[in-house]
PDB file of N, CA and C in Angstrom:
ATOM      1  N   MET A   1       0.848  -1.146   0.000  1.00  0.00           N
ATOM      2  CA  MET A   1       0.000   0.000   0.000  1.00  0.00           C
ATOM      3  C   MET A   1       0.908   1.227   0.000  1.00  0.00           C
ATOM      4  N   LEU A   2       0.646   2.132  -0.911  1.00  0.00           N
ATOM      5  CA  LEU A   2       1.404   3.382  -0.999  1.00  0.00           C
ATOM      6  C   LEU A   2       0.472   4.507  -0.571  1.00  0.00           C
ATOM      7  N   VAL A   3       0.853   5.218   0.478  1.00  0.00           N
ATOM      8  CA  VAL A   3      -0.012   6.227   1.082  1.00  0.00           C
ATOM      9  C   VAL A   3       0.692   7.572   1.067  1.00  0.00           C
ATOM     10  N   SER A   4      -0.029   8.588   0.627  1.00  0.00           N
ATOM     11  CA  SER A   4       0.530   9.939   0.667  1.00  0.00           C
ATOM     12  C   SER A   4       0.634  10.408   2.105  1.00  0.00           C
ATOM     13  N   HIS A   5       1.733  11.072   2.408  1.00  0.00           N
ATOM     14  CA  HIS A   5       1.934  11.625   3.747  1.00  0.00           C
ATOM     15  C   HIS A   5       2.329  13.086   3.575  1.00  0.00           C
ATOM     16  N   TRP A   6       1.557  13.971   4.209  1.00  0.00           N
ATOM     17  CA  TRP A   6       1.793  15.393   4.042  1.00  0.00           C
ATOM     18  C   TRP A   6       1.295  16.140   5.264  1.00  0.00           C
ATOM     19  N   ASP A   7       1.347  17.471   5.225  1.00  0.00           N
ATOM     20  CA  ASP A   7       0.978  18.292   6.376  1.00  0.00           C
ATOM     21  C   ASP A   7      -0.454  18.062   6.847  1.00  0.00           C
ATOM     22  N   HIS A   8      -1.343  17.636   5.957  1.00  0.00           N
ATOM     23  CA  HIS A   8      -2.750  17.463   6.307  1.00  0.00           C
ATOM     24  C   HIS A   8      -3.114  16.011   6.610  1.00  0.00           C
ATOM     25  N   SER A   9      -2.137  15.132   6.713  1.00  0.00           N
ATOM     26  CA  SER A   9      -2.420  13.741   7.087  1.00  0.00           C
ATOM     27  C   SER A   9      -2.951  13.710   8.517  1.00  0.00           C
ATOM     28  N   ARG A  10      -3.919  12.851   8.760  1.00  0.00           N
ATOM     29  CA  ARG A  10      -4.505  12.736  10.096  1.00  0.00           C
ATOM     30  C   ARG A  10      -3.523  12.064  11.055  1.00  0.00           C
ATOM     31  N   ALA A  11      -3.551  12.497  12.281  1.00  0.00           N
ATOM     32  CA  ALA A  11      -2.623  11.978  13.288  1.00  0.00           C
ATOM     33  C   ALA A  11      -2.789  10.476  13.493  1.00  0.00           C
ATOM     34  N   GLU A  12      -4.017   9.974  13.444  1.00  0.00           N
ATOM     35  CA  GLU A  12      -4.270   8.552  13.686  1.00  0.00           C
ATOM     36  C   GLU A  12      -3.922   7.667  12.490  1.00  0.00           C
ATOM     37  N   GLU A  13      -3.583   8.263  11.385  1.00  0.00           N
ATOM     38  CA  GLU A  13      -3.294   7.497  10.170  1.00  0.00           C
ATOM     39  C   GLU A  13      -2.143   6.505  10.361  1.00  0.00           C
ATOM     40  N   LEU A  14      -1.067   6.931  10.960  1.00  0.00           N
ATOM     41  CA  LEU A  14       0.094   6.052  11.121  1.00  0.00           C
ATOM     42  C   LEU A  14      -0.216   4.861  12.014  1.00  0.00           C
ATOM     43  N   ALA A  15      -1.000   5.070  13.071  1.00  0.00           N
ATOM     44  CA  ALA A  15      -1.380   3.949  13.942  1.00  0.00           C
ATOM     45  C   ALA A  15      -2.214   2.938  13.165  1.00  0.00           C
ATOM     46  N   PHE A  16      -3.135   3.401  12.348  1.00  0.00           N
ATOM     47  CA  PHE A  16      -3.950   2.494  11.541  1.00  0.00           C
ATOM     48  C   PHE A  16      -3.079   1.720  10.560  1.00  0.00           C
ATOM     49  N   LEU A  17      -2.190   2.411   9.874  1.00  0.00           N
ATOM     50  CA  LEU A  17      -1.326   1.739   8.900  1.00  0.00           C
ATOM     51  C   LEU A  17      -0.403   0.733   9.577  1.00  0.00           C
ATOM     52  N   ARG A  18       0.078   1.063  10.752  1.00  0.00           N
ATOM     53  CA  ARG A  18       0.919   0.102  11.489  1.00  0.00           C
ATOM     54  C   ARG A  18       0.112  -1.122  11.915  1.00  0.00           C
ATOM     55  N   SER A  19      -1.182  -0.945  12.188  1.00  0.00           N
ATOM     56  CA  SER A  19      -2.009  -2.107  12.537  1.00  0.00           C
ATOM     57  C   SER A  19      -2.126  -3.056  11.351  1.00  0.00           C
ATOM     58  N   LEU A  20      -2.111  -2.526  10.136  1.00  0.00           N
ATOM     59  CA  LEU A  20      -2.106  -3.392   8.953  1.00  0.00           C
ATOM     60  C   LEU A  20      -0.803  -4.177   8.878  1.00  0.00           C
ATOM     61  N   LEU A  21       0.301  -3.524   9.188  1.00  0.00           N
ATOM     62  CA  LEU A  21       1.596  -4.214   9.182  1.00  0.00           C
ATOM     63  C   LEU A  21       1.636  -5.335  10.218  1.00  0.00           C
ATOM     64  N   ALA A  22       0.953  -5.145  11.341  1.00  0.00           N
ATOM     65  CA  ALA A  22       0.953  -6.157  12.398  1.00  0.00           C
ATOM     66  C   ALA A  22       0.290  -7.453  11.939  1.00  0.00           C
ATOM     67  N   ILE A  23      -0.560  -7.386  10.926  1.00  0.00           N
ATOM     68  CA  ILE A  23      -1.201  -8.590  10.390  1.00  0.00           C
ATOM     69  C   ILE A  23      -0.149  -9.566   9.872  1.00  0.00           C
ATOM     70  N   ASN A  24       0.984  -9.052   9.425  1.00  0.00           N
ATOM     71  CA  ASN A  24       2.049  -9.919   8.902  1.00  0.00           C
ATOM     72  C   ASN A  24       2.462 -11.000   9.895  1.00  0.00           C
ATOM     73  N   ASP A  25       2.379 -10.699  11.191  1.00  0.00           N
ATOM     74  CA  ASP A  25       2.780 -11.685  12.202  1.00  0.00           C
ATOM     75  C   ASP A  25       1.904 -12.930  12.176  1.00  0.00           C
ATOM     76  N   GLY A  26       0.666 -12.804  11.706  1.00  0.00           N
ATOM     77  CA  GLY A  26      -0.242 -13.940  11.672  1.00  0.00           C
ATOM     78  C   GLY A  26      -0.330 -14.633  10.327  1.00  0.00           C
ATOM     79  N   LEU A  27       0.404 -14.155   9.338  1.00  0.00           N
ATOM     80  CA  LEU A  27       0.351 -14.758   8.005  1.00  0.00           C
ATOM     81  C   LEU A  27       1.285 -15.954   7.912  1.00  0.00           C
ATOM     82  N   PRO A  28       0.934 -16.933   7.059  1.00  0.00           N
ATOM     83  CA  PRO A  28       1.822 -18.093   6.863  1.00  0.00           C
ATOM     84  C   PRO A  28       3.189 -17.644   6.362  1.00  0.00           C
ATOM     85  N   LYS A  29       4.197 -18.347   6.764  1.00  0.00           N
ATOM     86  CA  LYS A  29       5.575 -18.026   6.380  1.00  0.00           C
ATOM     87  C   LYS A  29       6.021 -18.937   5.243  1.00  0.00           C
ATOM     88  N   GLY A  30       5.752 -18.561   4.017  1.00  0.00           N
ATOM     89  CA  GLY A  30       6.199 -19.344   2.860  1.00  0.00           C
ATOM     90  C   GLY A  30       5.330 -20.562   2.626  1.00  0.00           C
ATOM     91  N   GLY A  31       5.832 -21.475   1.836  1.00  0.00           N
ATOM     92  CA  GLY A  31       5.077 -22.682   1.528  1.00  0.00           C
ATOM     93  C   GLY A  31       4.182 -22.507   0.323  1.00  0.00           C
ATOM     94  N   TYR A  32       3.371 -23.523   0.059  1.00  0.00           N
ATOM     95  CA  TYR A  32       2.531 -23.550  -1.136  1.00  0.00           C
ATOM     96  C   TYR A  32       1.583 -22.364  -1.216  1.00  0.00           C
ATOM     97  N   ARG A  33       0.875 -22.078  -0.137  1.00  0.00           N
ATOM     98  CA  ARG A  33      -0.115 -21.006  -0.174  1.00  0.00           C
ATOM     99  C   ARG A  33       0.275 -19.808   0.680  1.00  0.00           C
ATOM    100  N   GLY A  34       1.447 -19.801   1.204  1.00  0.00           N
ATOM    101  CA  GLY A  34       1.834 -18.721   2.100  1.00  0.00           C
ATOM    102  C   GLY A  34       2.823 -17.775   1.463  1.00  0.00           C
ATOM    103  N   GLY A  35       3.354 -16.945   2.283  1.00  0.00           N
ATOM    104  CA  GLY A  35       4.402 -16.054   1.824  1.00  0.00           C
ATOM    105  C   GLY A  35       3.957 -14.658   1.481  1.00  0.00           C
ATOM    106  N   GLY A  36       2.651 -14.392   1.468  1.00  0.00           N
ATOM    107  CA  GLY A  36       2.189 -13.045   1.195  1.00  0.00           C
ATOM    108  C   GLY A  36       2.520 -12.119   2.351  1.00  0.00           C
ATOM    109  N   ARG A  37       2.737 -10.865   2.060  1.00  0.00           N
ATOM    110  CA  ARG A  37       3.070  -9.878   3.082  1.00  0.00           C
ATOM    111  C   ARG A  37       2.326  -8.585   2.788  1.00  0.00           C
ATOM    112  N   ILE A  38       2.074  -7.828   3.823  1.00  0.00           N
ATOM    113  CA  ILE A  38       1.528  -6.486   3.684  1.00  0.00           C
ATOM    114  C   ILE A  38       2.697  -5.518   3.814  1.00  0.00           C
ATOM    115  N   SER A  39       2.825  -4.639   2.853  1.00  0.00           N
ATOM    116  CA  SER A  39       3.860  -3.607   2.885  1.00  0.00           C
ATOM    117  C   SER A  39       3.189  -2.248   2.784  1.00  0.00           C
ATOM    118  N   VAL A  40       3.676  -1.315   3.546  1.00  0.00           N
ATOM    119  CA  VAL A  40       3.162   0.055   3.508  1.00  0.00           C
ATOM    120  C   VAL A  40       4.344   0.989   3.306  1.00  0.00           C
ATOM    121  N   ARG A  41       4.212   1.873   2.338  1.00  0.00           N
ATOM    122  CA  ARG A  41       5.221   2.913   2.117  1.00  0.00           C
ATOM    123  C   ARG A  41       4.520   4.264   2.168  1.00  0.00           C
ATOM    124  N   LEU A  42       5.194   5.237   2.730  1.00  0.00           N
ATOM    125  CA  LEU A  42       4.683   6.605   2.777  1.00  0.00           C
ATOM    126  C   LEU A  42       5.341   7.410   1.674  1.00  0.00           C
ATOM    127  N   PHE A  43       4.518   8.109   0.908  1.00  0.00           N
ATOM    128  CA  PHE A  43       5.000   8.912  -0.209  1.00  0.00           C
ATOM    129  C   PHE A  43       4.931  10.373   0.208  1.00  0.00           C
ATOM    130  N   THR A  44       6.075  11.017   0.308  1.00  0.00           N
ATOM    131  CA  THR A  44       6.147  12.412   0.742  1.00  0.00           C
ATOM    132  C   THR A  44       6.786  13.243  -0.359  1.00  0.00           C
ATOM    133  N   VAL A  45       6.025  14.186  -0.880  1.00  0.00           N
ATOM    134  CA  VAL A  45       6.540  15.081  -1.915  1.00  0.00           C
ATOM    135  C   VAL A  45       7.268  16.227  -1.214  1.00  0.00           C
ATOM    136  N   PRO A  46       8.541  16.420  -1.491  1.00  0.00           N
ATOM    137  CA  PRO A  46       9.277  17.499  -0.825  1.00  0.00           C
ATOM    138  C   PRO A  46       8.802  18.865  -1.316  1.00  0.00           C
ATOM    139  N   SER A  47       9.019  19.873  -0.481  1.00  0.00           N
ATOM    140  CA  SER A  47       8.642  21.223  -0.895  1.00  0.00           C
ATOM    141  C   SER A  47       9.660  22.226  -0.374  1.00  0.00           C
ATOM    142  N   SER A  48       9.798  23.275  -1.128  1.00  0.00           N
ATOM    143  CA  SER A  48      10.640  24.388  -0.688  1.00  0.00           C
ATOM    144  C   SER A  48       9.816  25.244   0.275  1.00  0.00           C
ATOM    145  N   ALA A  49      10.446  26.199   0.916  1.00  0.00           N
ATOM    146  CA  ALA A  49       9.729  27.096   1.825  1.00  0.00           C
ATOM    147  C   ALA A  49       8.617  27.831   1.082  1.00  0.00           C
ATOM    148  N   GLU A  50       8.897  28.224  -0.138  1.00  0.00           N
ATOM    149  CA  GLU A  50       7.897  28.944  -0.938  1.00  0.00           C
ATOM    150  C   GLU A  50       6.730  28.028  -1.314  1.00  0.00           C
ATOM    151  N   GLN A  51       7.027  26.810  -1.727  1.00  0.00           N
ATOM    152  CA  GLN A  51       5.975  25.865  -2.111  1.00  0.00           C
ATOM    153  C   GLN A  51       5.101  25.480  -0.926  1.00  0.00           C
ATOM    154  N   SER A  52       5.671  25.393   0.253  1.00  0.00           N
ATOM    155  CA  SER A  52       4.907  24.965   1.422  1.00  0.00           C
ATOM    156  C   SER A  52       3.870  26.001   1.854  1.00  0.00           C
ATOM    157  N   LYS A  53       3.943  27.203   1.317  1.00  0.00           N
ATOM    158  CA  LYS A  53       2.947  28.236   1.616  1.00  0.00           C
ATOM    159  C   LYS A  53       1.639  28.001   0.868  1.00  0.00           C
ATOM    160  N   ILE A  54       1.666  27.157  -0.143  1.00  0.00           N
ATOM    161  CA  ILE A  54       0.474  26.882  -0.947  1.00  0.00           C
ATOM    162  C   ILE A  54      -0.332  25.788  -0.252  1.00  0.00           C
ATOM    163  N   SER A  55      -1.555  26.136   0.175  1.00  0.00           N
ATOM    164  CA  SER A  55      -2.393  25.156   0.867  1.00  0.00           C
ATOM    165  C   SER A  55      -2.746  23.993  -0.049  1.00  0.00           C
ATOM    166  N   PHE A  56      -2.765  22.814   0.511  1.00  0.00           N
ATOM    167  CA  PHE A  56      -3.177  21.590  -0.175  1.00  0.00           C
ATOM    168  C   PHE A  56      -2.400  21.344  -1.465  1.00  0.00           C
ATOM    169  N   ALA A  57      -1.112  21.637  -1.415  1.00  0.00           N
ATOM    170  CA  ALA A  57      -0.231  21.353  -2.546  1.00  0.00           C
ATOM    171  C   ALA A  57       0.852  20.392  -2.076  1.00  0.00           C
ATOM    172  N   ARG A  58       1.663  19.934  -2.990  1.00  0.00           N
ATOM    173  CA  ARG A  58       2.791  19.061  -2.690  1.00  0.00           C
ATOM    174  C   ARG A  58       2.338  17.733  -2.078  1.00  0.00           C
ATOM    175  N   VAL A  59       1.330  17.129  -2.701  1.00  0.00           N
ATOM    176  CA  VAL A  59       0.852  15.823  -2.252  1.00  0.00           C
ATOM    177  C   VAL A  59       0.558  14.959  -3.474  1.00  0.00           C
ATOM    178  N   ASN A  60       0.866  13.691  -3.367  1.00  0.00           N
ATOM    179  CA  ASN A  60       0.488  12.723  -4.392  1.00  0.00           C
ATOM    180  C   ASN A  60      -0.953  12.339  -4.074  1.00  0.00           C
ATOM    181  N   HIS A  61      -1.896  12.894  -4.785  1.00  0.00           N
ATOM    182  CA  HIS A  61      -3.313  12.789  -4.436  1.00  0.00           C
ATOM    183  C   HIS A  61      -4.045  11.725  -5.249  1.00  0.00           C
ATOM    184  N   ASN A  62      -3.317  10.752  -5.748  1.00  0.00           N
ATOM    185  CA  ASN A  62      -3.925   9.678  -6.535  1.00  0.00           C
ATOM    186  C   ASN A  62      -4.821   8.816  -5.663  1.00  0.00           C
ATOM    187  N   LYS A  63      -5.895   8.311  -6.270  1.00  0.00           N
ATOM    188  CA  LYS A  63      -6.798   7.387  -5.589  1.00  0.00           C
ATOM    189  C   LYS A  63      -7.116   6.267  -6.568  1.00  0.00           C
ATOM    190  N   TYR A  64      -6.301   5.230  -6.538  1.00  0.00           N
ATOM    191  CA  TYR A  64      -6.538   4.114  -7.446  1.00  0.00           C
ATOM    192  C   TYR A  64      -6.035   2.824  -6.839  1.00  0.00           C
ATOM    193  N   MET A  65      -6.509   1.723  -7.400  1.00  0.00           N
ATOM    194  CA  MET A  65      -6.088   0.392  -6.969  1.00  0.00           C
ATOM    195  C   MET A  65      -5.873  -0.440  -8.225  1.00  0.00           C
ATOM    196  N   VAL A  66      -4.818  -1.249  -8.230  1.00  0.00           N
ATOM    197  CA  VAL A  66      -4.485  -2.080  -9.392  1.00  0.00           C
ATOM    198  C   VAL A  66      -4.299  -3.517  -8.927  1.00  0.00           C
ATOM    199  N   THR A  67      -4.874  -4.450  -9.678  1.00  0.00           N
ATOM    200  CA  THR A  67      -4.614  -5.874  -9.462  1.00  0.00           C
ATOM    201  C   THR A  67      -4.008  -6.421 -10.748  1.00  0.00           C
ATOM    202  N   ASP A  68      -3.915  -7.737 -10.850  1.00  0.00           N
ATOM    203  CA  ASP A  68      -3.289  -8.313 -12.042  1.00  0.00           C
ATOM    204  C   ASP A  68      -4.062  -8.029 -13.325  1.00  0.00           C
ATOM    205  N   ARG A  69      -5.401  -7.923 -13.252  1.00  0.00           N
ATOM    206  CA  ARG A  69      -6.179  -7.684 -14.470  1.00  0.00           C
ATOM    207  C   ARG A  69      -7.242  -6.603 -14.330  1.00  0.00           C
ATOM    208  N   ALA A  70      -7.231  -5.861 -13.242  1.00  0.00           N
ATOM    209  CA  ALA A  70      -8.263  -4.845 -13.039  1.00  0.00           C
ATOM    210  C   ALA A  70      -7.670  -3.610 -12.372  1.00  0.00           C
ATOM    211  N   ALA A  71      -8.380  -2.503 -12.551  1.00  0.00           N
ATOM    212  CA  ALA A  71      -7.971  -1.247 -11.920  1.00  0.00           C
ATOM    213  C   ALA A  71      -9.214  -0.456 -11.550  1.00  0.00           C
ATOM    214  N   TYR A  72      -9.108   0.309 -10.487  1.00  0.00           N
ATOM    215  CA  TYR A  72     -10.165   1.211 -10.039  1.00  0.00           C
ATOM    216  C   TYR A  72      -9.534   2.587  -9.868  1.00  0.00           C
ATOM    217  N   VAL A  73     -10.214   3.610 -10.376  1.00  0.00           N
ATOM    218  CA  VAL A  73      -9.785   4.995 -10.209  1.00  0.00           C
ATOM    219  C   VAL A  73     -10.991   5.771  -9.711  1.00  0.00           C
ATOM    220  N   GLY A  74     -10.810   6.539  -8.633  1.00  0.00           N
ATOM    221  CA  GLY A  74     -11.917   7.302  -8.084  1.00  0.00           C
ATOM    222  C   GLY A  74     -11.483   8.667  -7.603  1.00  0.00           C
ATOM    223  N   THR A  75     -12.466   9.461  -7.190  1.00  0.00           N
ATOM    224  CA  THR A  75     -12.195  10.825  -6.737  1.00  0.00           C
ATOM    225  C   THR A  75     -12.244  10.967  -5.224  1.00  0.00           C
ATOM    226  N   SER A  76     -12.789  10.001  -4.513  1.00  0.00           N
ATOM    227  CA  SER A  76     -12.955  10.116  -3.063  1.00  0.00           C
ATOM    228  C   SER A  76     -11.731   9.611  -2.312  1.00  0.00           C
ATOM    229  N   ASN A  77     -11.391  10.313  -1.236  1.00  0.00           N
ATOM    230  CA  ASN A  77     -10.369   9.804  -0.327  1.00  0.00           C
ATOM    231  C   ASN A  77     -10.882   8.508   0.282  1.00  0.00           C
ATOM    232  N   TRP A  78      -9.998   7.601   0.623  1.00  0.00           N
ATOM    233  CA  TRP A  78     -10.404   6.307   1.167  1.00  0.00           C
ATOM    234  C   TRP A  78     -10.495   6.383   2.682  1.00  0.00           C
ATOM    235  N   ALA A  79     -11.453   7.163   3.130  1.00  0.00           N
ATOM    236  CA  ALA A  79     -11.734   7.317   4.554  1.00  0.00           C
ATOM    237  C   ALA A  79     -13.242   7.246   4.720  1.00  0.00           C
ATOM    238  N   GLY A  80     -13.685   6.682   5.836  1.00  0.00           N
ATOM    239  CA  GLY A  80     -15.108   6.463   6.050  1.00  0.00           C
ATOM    240  C   GLY A  80     -15.960   7.701   5.869  1.00  0.00           C
ATOM    241  N   ASP A  81     -15.514   8.842   6.380  1.00  0.00           N
ATOM    242  CA  ASP A  81     -16.327  10.048   6.294  1.00  0.00           C
ATOM    243  C   ASP A  81     -16.500  10.536   4.858  1.00  0.00           C
ATOM    244  N   TYR A  82     -15.585  10.194   3.977  1.00  0.00           N
ATOM    245  CA  TYR A  82     -15.727  10.613   2.585  1.00  0.00           C
ATOM    246  C   TYR A  82     -16.877   9.899   1.902  1.00  0.00           C
ATOM    247  N   PHE A  83     -17.176   8.699   2.334  1.00  0.00           N
ATOM    248  CA  PHE A  83     -18.256   7.943   1.712  1.00  0.00           C
ATOM    249  C   PHE A  83     -19.607   8.282   2.329  1.00  0.00           C
ATOM    250  N   ILE A  84     -19.609   9.078   3.390  1.00  0.00           N
ATOM    251  CA  ILE A  84     -20.844   9.473   4.058  1.00  0.00           C
ATOM    252  C   ILE A  84     -21.214  10.910   3.725  1.00  0.00           C
ATOM    253  N   SER A  85     -20.244  11.806   3.734  1.00  0.00           N
ATOM    254  CA  SER A  85     -20.556  13.232   3.657  1.00  0.00           C
ATOM    255  C   SER A  85     -20.145  13.915   2.359  1.00  0.00           C
ATOM    256  N   THR A  86     -19.613  13.189   1.404  1.00  0.00           N
ATOM    257  CA  THR A  86     -19.247  13.812   0.133  1.00  0.00           C
ATOM    258  C   THR A  86     -19.681  12.925  -1.025  1.00  0.00           C
ATOM    259  N   ALA A  87     -19.698  13.515  -2.188  1.00  0.00           N
ATOM    260  CA  ALA A  87     -20.013  12.758  -3.401  1.00  0.00           C
ATOM    261  C   ALA A  87     -18.724  12.531  -4.179  1.00  0.00           C
ATOM    262  N   GLY A  88     -18.687  11.493  -4.929  1.00  0.00           N
ATOM    263  CA  GLY A  88     -17.510  11.201  -5.731  1.00  0.00           C
ATOM    264  C   GLY A  88     -17.902  10.310  -6.893  1.00  0.00           C
ATOM    265  N   VAL A  89     -16.940  10.042  -7.720  1.00  0.00           N
ATOM    266  CA  VAL A  89     -17.175   9.169  -8.865  1.00  0.00           C
ATOM    267  C   VAL A  89     -15.988   8.225  -8.979  1.00  0.00           C
ATOM    268  N   GLY A  90     -16.255   7.040  -9.473  1.00  0.00           N
ATOM    269  CA  GLY A  90     -15.187   6.067  -9.664  1.00  0.00           C
ATOM    270  C   GLY A  90     -15.474   5.219 -10.884  1.00  0.00           C
ATOM    271  N   VAL A  91     -14.437   4.655 -11.431  1.00  0.00           N
ATOM    272  CA  VAL A  91     -14.587   3.777 -12.583  1.00  0.00           C
ATOM    273  C   VAL A  91     -13.665   2.579 -12.383  1.00  0.00           C
ATOM    274  N   SER A  92     -14.176   1.410 -12.734  1.00  0.00           N
ATOM    275  CA  SER A  92     -13.328   0.220 -12.682  1.00  0.00           C
ATOM    276  C   SER A  92     -13.144  -0.298 -14.096  1.00  0.00           C
ATOM    277  N   MET A  93     -11.970  -0.843 -14.345  1.00  0.00           N
ATOM    278  CA  MET A  93     -11.608  -1.333 -15.674  1.00  0.00           C
ATOM    279  C   MET A  93     -11.009  -2.720 -15.533  1.00  0.00           C
ATOM    280  N   THR A  94     -11.243  -3.546 -16.522  1.00  0.00           N
ATOM    281  CA  THR A  94     -10.606  -4.858 -16.541  1.00  0.00           C
ATOM    282  C   THR A  94      -9.863  -5.033 -17.856  1.00  0.00           C
ATOM    283  N   SER A  95      -8.919  -5.937 -17.820  1.00  0.00           N
ATOM    284  CA  SER A  95      -8.134  -6.252 -19.003  1.00  0.00           C
ATOM    285  C   SER A  95      -7.905  -7.751 -19.020  1.00  0.00           C
ATOM    286  N   ARG A  96      -8.228  -8.379 -20.105  1.00  0.00           N
ATOM    287  CA  ARG A  96      -8.046  -9.834 -20.192  1.00  0.00           C
ATOM    288  C   ARG A  96      -6.584 -10.232 -20.071  1.00  0.00           C
ATOM    289  N   ASP A  97      -5.714  -9.405 -20.603  1.00  0.00           N
ATOM    290  CA  ASP A  97      -4.293  -9.756 -20.605  1.00  0.00           C
ATOM    291  C   ASP A  97      -3.459  -8.882 -19.661  1.00  0.00           C
ATOM    292  N   GLY A  98      -4.118  -8.022 -18.864  1.00  0.00           N
ATOM    293  CA  GLY A  98      -3.384  -7.171 -17.927  1.00  0.00           C
ATOM    294  C   GLY A  98      -2.650  -6.028 -18.585  1.00  0.00           C
ATOM    295  N   LYS A  99      -2.995  -5.711 -19.818  1.00  0.00           N
ATOM    296  CA  LYS A  99      -2.306  -4.630 -20.533  1.00  0.00           C
ATOM    297  C   LYS A  99      -3.211  -3.410 -20.638  1.00  0.00           C
ATOM    298  N   GLY A 100      -2.823  -2.428 -21.414  1.00  0.00           N
ATOM    299  CA  GLY A 100      -3.617  -1.221 -21.602  1.00  0.00           C
ATOM    300  C   GLY A 100      -3.589  -0.343 -20.365  1.00  0.00           C
ATOM    301  N   VAL A 101      -4.754   0.197 -19.997  1.00  0.00           N
ATOM    302  CA  VAL A 101      -4.849   1.126 -18.876  1.00  0.00           C
ATOM    303  C   VAL A 101      -4.415   0.460 -17.571  1.00  0.00           C
ATOM    304  N   VAL A 102      -4.760  -0.808 -17.400  1.00  0.00           N
ATOM    305  CA  VAL A 102      -4.358  -1.517 -16.180  1.00  0.00           C
ATOM    306  C   VAL A 102      -2.832  -1.531 -16.061  1.00  0.00           C
ATOM    307  N   GLN A 103      -2.143  -1.836 -17.128  1.00  0.00           N
ATOM    308  CA  GLN A 103      -0.678  -1.857 -17.097  1.00  0.00           C
ATOM    309  C   GLN A 103      -0.106  -0.456 -16.897  1.00  0.00           C
ATOM    310  N   GLN A 104      -0.732   0.546 -17.505  1.00  0.00           N
ATOM    311  CA  GLN A 104      -0.262   1.918 -17.332  1.00  0.00           C
ATOM    312  C   GLN A 104      -0.361   2.350 -15.868  1.00  0.00           C
ATOM    313  N   LEU A 105      -1.471   2.005 -15.212  1.00  0.00           N
ATOM    314  CA  LEU A 105      -1.608   2.339 -13.796  1.00  0.00           C
ATOM    315  C   LEU A 105      -0.610   1.563 -12.944  1.00  0.00           C
ATOM    316  N   GLN A 106      -0.356   0.316 -13.303  1.00  0.00           N
ATOM    317  CA  GLN A 106       0.654  -0.465 -12.584  1.00  0.00           C
ATOM    318  C   GLN A 106       2.028   0.188 -12.724  1.00  0.00           C
ATOM    319  N   ASP A 107       2.321   0.676 -13.916  1.00  0.00           N
ATOM    320  CA  ASP A 107       3.603   1.350 -14.149  1.00  0.00           C
ATOM    321  C   ASP A 107       3.736   2.621 -13.302  1.00  0.00           C
ATOM    322  N   VAL A 108       2.644   3.379 -13.177  1.00  0.00           N
ATOM    323  CA  VAL A 108       2.657   4.585 -12.341  1.00  0.00           C
ATOM    324  C   VAL A 108       2.889   4.200 -10.883  1.00  0.00           C
ATOM    325  N   PHE A 109       2.179   3.153 -10.433  1.00  0.00           N
ATOM    326  CA  PHE A 109       2.369   2.693  -9.058  1.00  0.00           C
ATOM    327  C   PHE A 109       3.814   2.270  -8.823  1.00  0.00           C
ATOM    328  N   ASP A 110       4.363   1.464  -9.718  1.00  0.00           N
ATOM    329  CA  ASP A 110       5.744   0.990  -9.566  1.00  0.00           C
ATOM    330  C   ASP A 110       6.735   2.152  -9.540  1.00  0.00           C
ATOM    331  N   ARG A 111       6.502   3.143 -10.386  1.00  0.00           N
ATOM    332  CA  ARG A 111       7.381   4.319 -10.404  1.00  0.00           C
ATOM    333  C   ARG A 111       7.380   5.013  -9.046  1.00  0.00           C
ATOM    334  N   ASP A 112       6.182   5.228  -8.501  1.00  0.00           N
ATOM    335  CA  ASP A 112       6.076   5.924  -7.218  1.00  0.00           C
ATOM    336  C   ASP A 112       6.572   5.058  -6.061  1.00  0.00           C
ATOM    337  N   TRP A 113       6.258   3.766  -6.082  1.00  0.00           N
ATOM    338  CA  TRP A 113       6.686   2.844  -5.025  1.00  0.00           C
ATOM    339  C   TRP A 113       8.215   2.812  -4.910  1.00  0.00           C
ATOM    340  N   ASN A 114       8.868   2.838  -6.050  1.00  0.00           N
ATOM    341  CA  ASN A 114      10.327   2.745  -6.085  1.00  0.00           C
ATOM    342  C   ASN A 114      11.027   4.104  -6.096  1.00  0.00           C
ATOM    343  N   SER A 115      10.268   5.174  -5.952  1.00  0.00           N
ATOM    344  CA  SER A 115      10.854   6.511  -6.019  1.00  0.00           C
ATOM    345  C   SER A 115      11.582   6.862  -4.722  1.00  0.00           C
ATOM    346  N   ARG A 116      12.424   7.844  -4.798  1.00  0.00           N
ATOM    347  CA  ARG A 116      13.148   8.308  -3.608  1.00  0.00           C
ATOM    348  C   ARG A 116      12.225   9.025  -2.631  1.00  0.00           C
ATOM    349  N   TYR A 117      10.995   9.314  -3.042  1.00  0.00           N
ATOM    350  CA  TYR A 117      10.036   9.988  -2.171  1.00  0.00           C
ATOM    351  C   TYR A 117       9.204   9.010  -1.349  1.00  0.00           C
ATOM    352  N   ALA A 118       9.388   7.712  -1.574  1.00  0.00           N
ATOM    353  CA  ALA A 118       8.652   6.682  -0.837  1.00  0.00           C
ATOM    354  C   ALA A 118       9.571   6.032   0.193  1.00  0.00           C
ATOM    355  N   ALA A 119       9.040   5.837   1.390  1.00  0.00           N
ATOM    356  CA  ALA A 119       9.821   5.219   2.471  1.00  0.00           C
ATOM    357  C   ALA A 119       8.968   4.180   3.183  1.00  0.00           C
ATOM    358  N   ASP A 120       9.593   3.071   3.566  1.00  0.00           N
ATOM    359  CA  ASP A 120       8.886   2.012   4.278  1.00  0.00           C
ATOM    360  C   ASP A 120       8.379   2.507   5.622  1.00  0.00           C
ATOM    361  N   LEU A 121       7.152   2.121   5.945  1.00  0.00           N
ATOM    362  CA  LEU A 121       6.629   2.321   7.290  1.00  0.00           C
ATOM    363  C   LEU A 121       6.934   1.046   8.071  1.00  0.00           C
ATOM    364  N   THR A 122       7.399   1.177   9.270  1.00  0.00           N
ATOM    365  CA  THR A 122       7.729   0.013  10.095  1.00  0.00           C
ATOM    366  C   THR A 122       6.919   0.052  11.385  1.00  0.00           C
ATOM    367  N   LEU A 123       6.834  -1.116  12.016  1.00  0.00           N
ATOM    368  CA  LEU A 123       6.144  -1.189  13.305  1.00  0.00           C
ATOM    369  C   LEU A 123       6.956  -0.438  14.340  1.00  0.00           C
TER     370      LEU A 123
END
């Protein structure tokens, strides 16, 4: 999971994300059906003193999910209150071969995941 981290991130966000990491302790360790892990990285866009004066700027504000053959892109933040008190739109796409838009979104995710602006969150 790649999560934007910026001046407006909620204080409880890190505790929630660390609770997801704690699930790793209960997952199977390798073997035929095991070996999956939950990873969380925080994506922080750096800013100069001048840039930091601009409200709600310098954040990777993407809201999408990619699997091997499907992708979802939406406008709502993934927080409970956003689904109660605001309106948004989303679209899901599938690809038989995992190419096209699904692959393009995977490429964007991989670029950001491996960027110097992403850092592992640890327990």
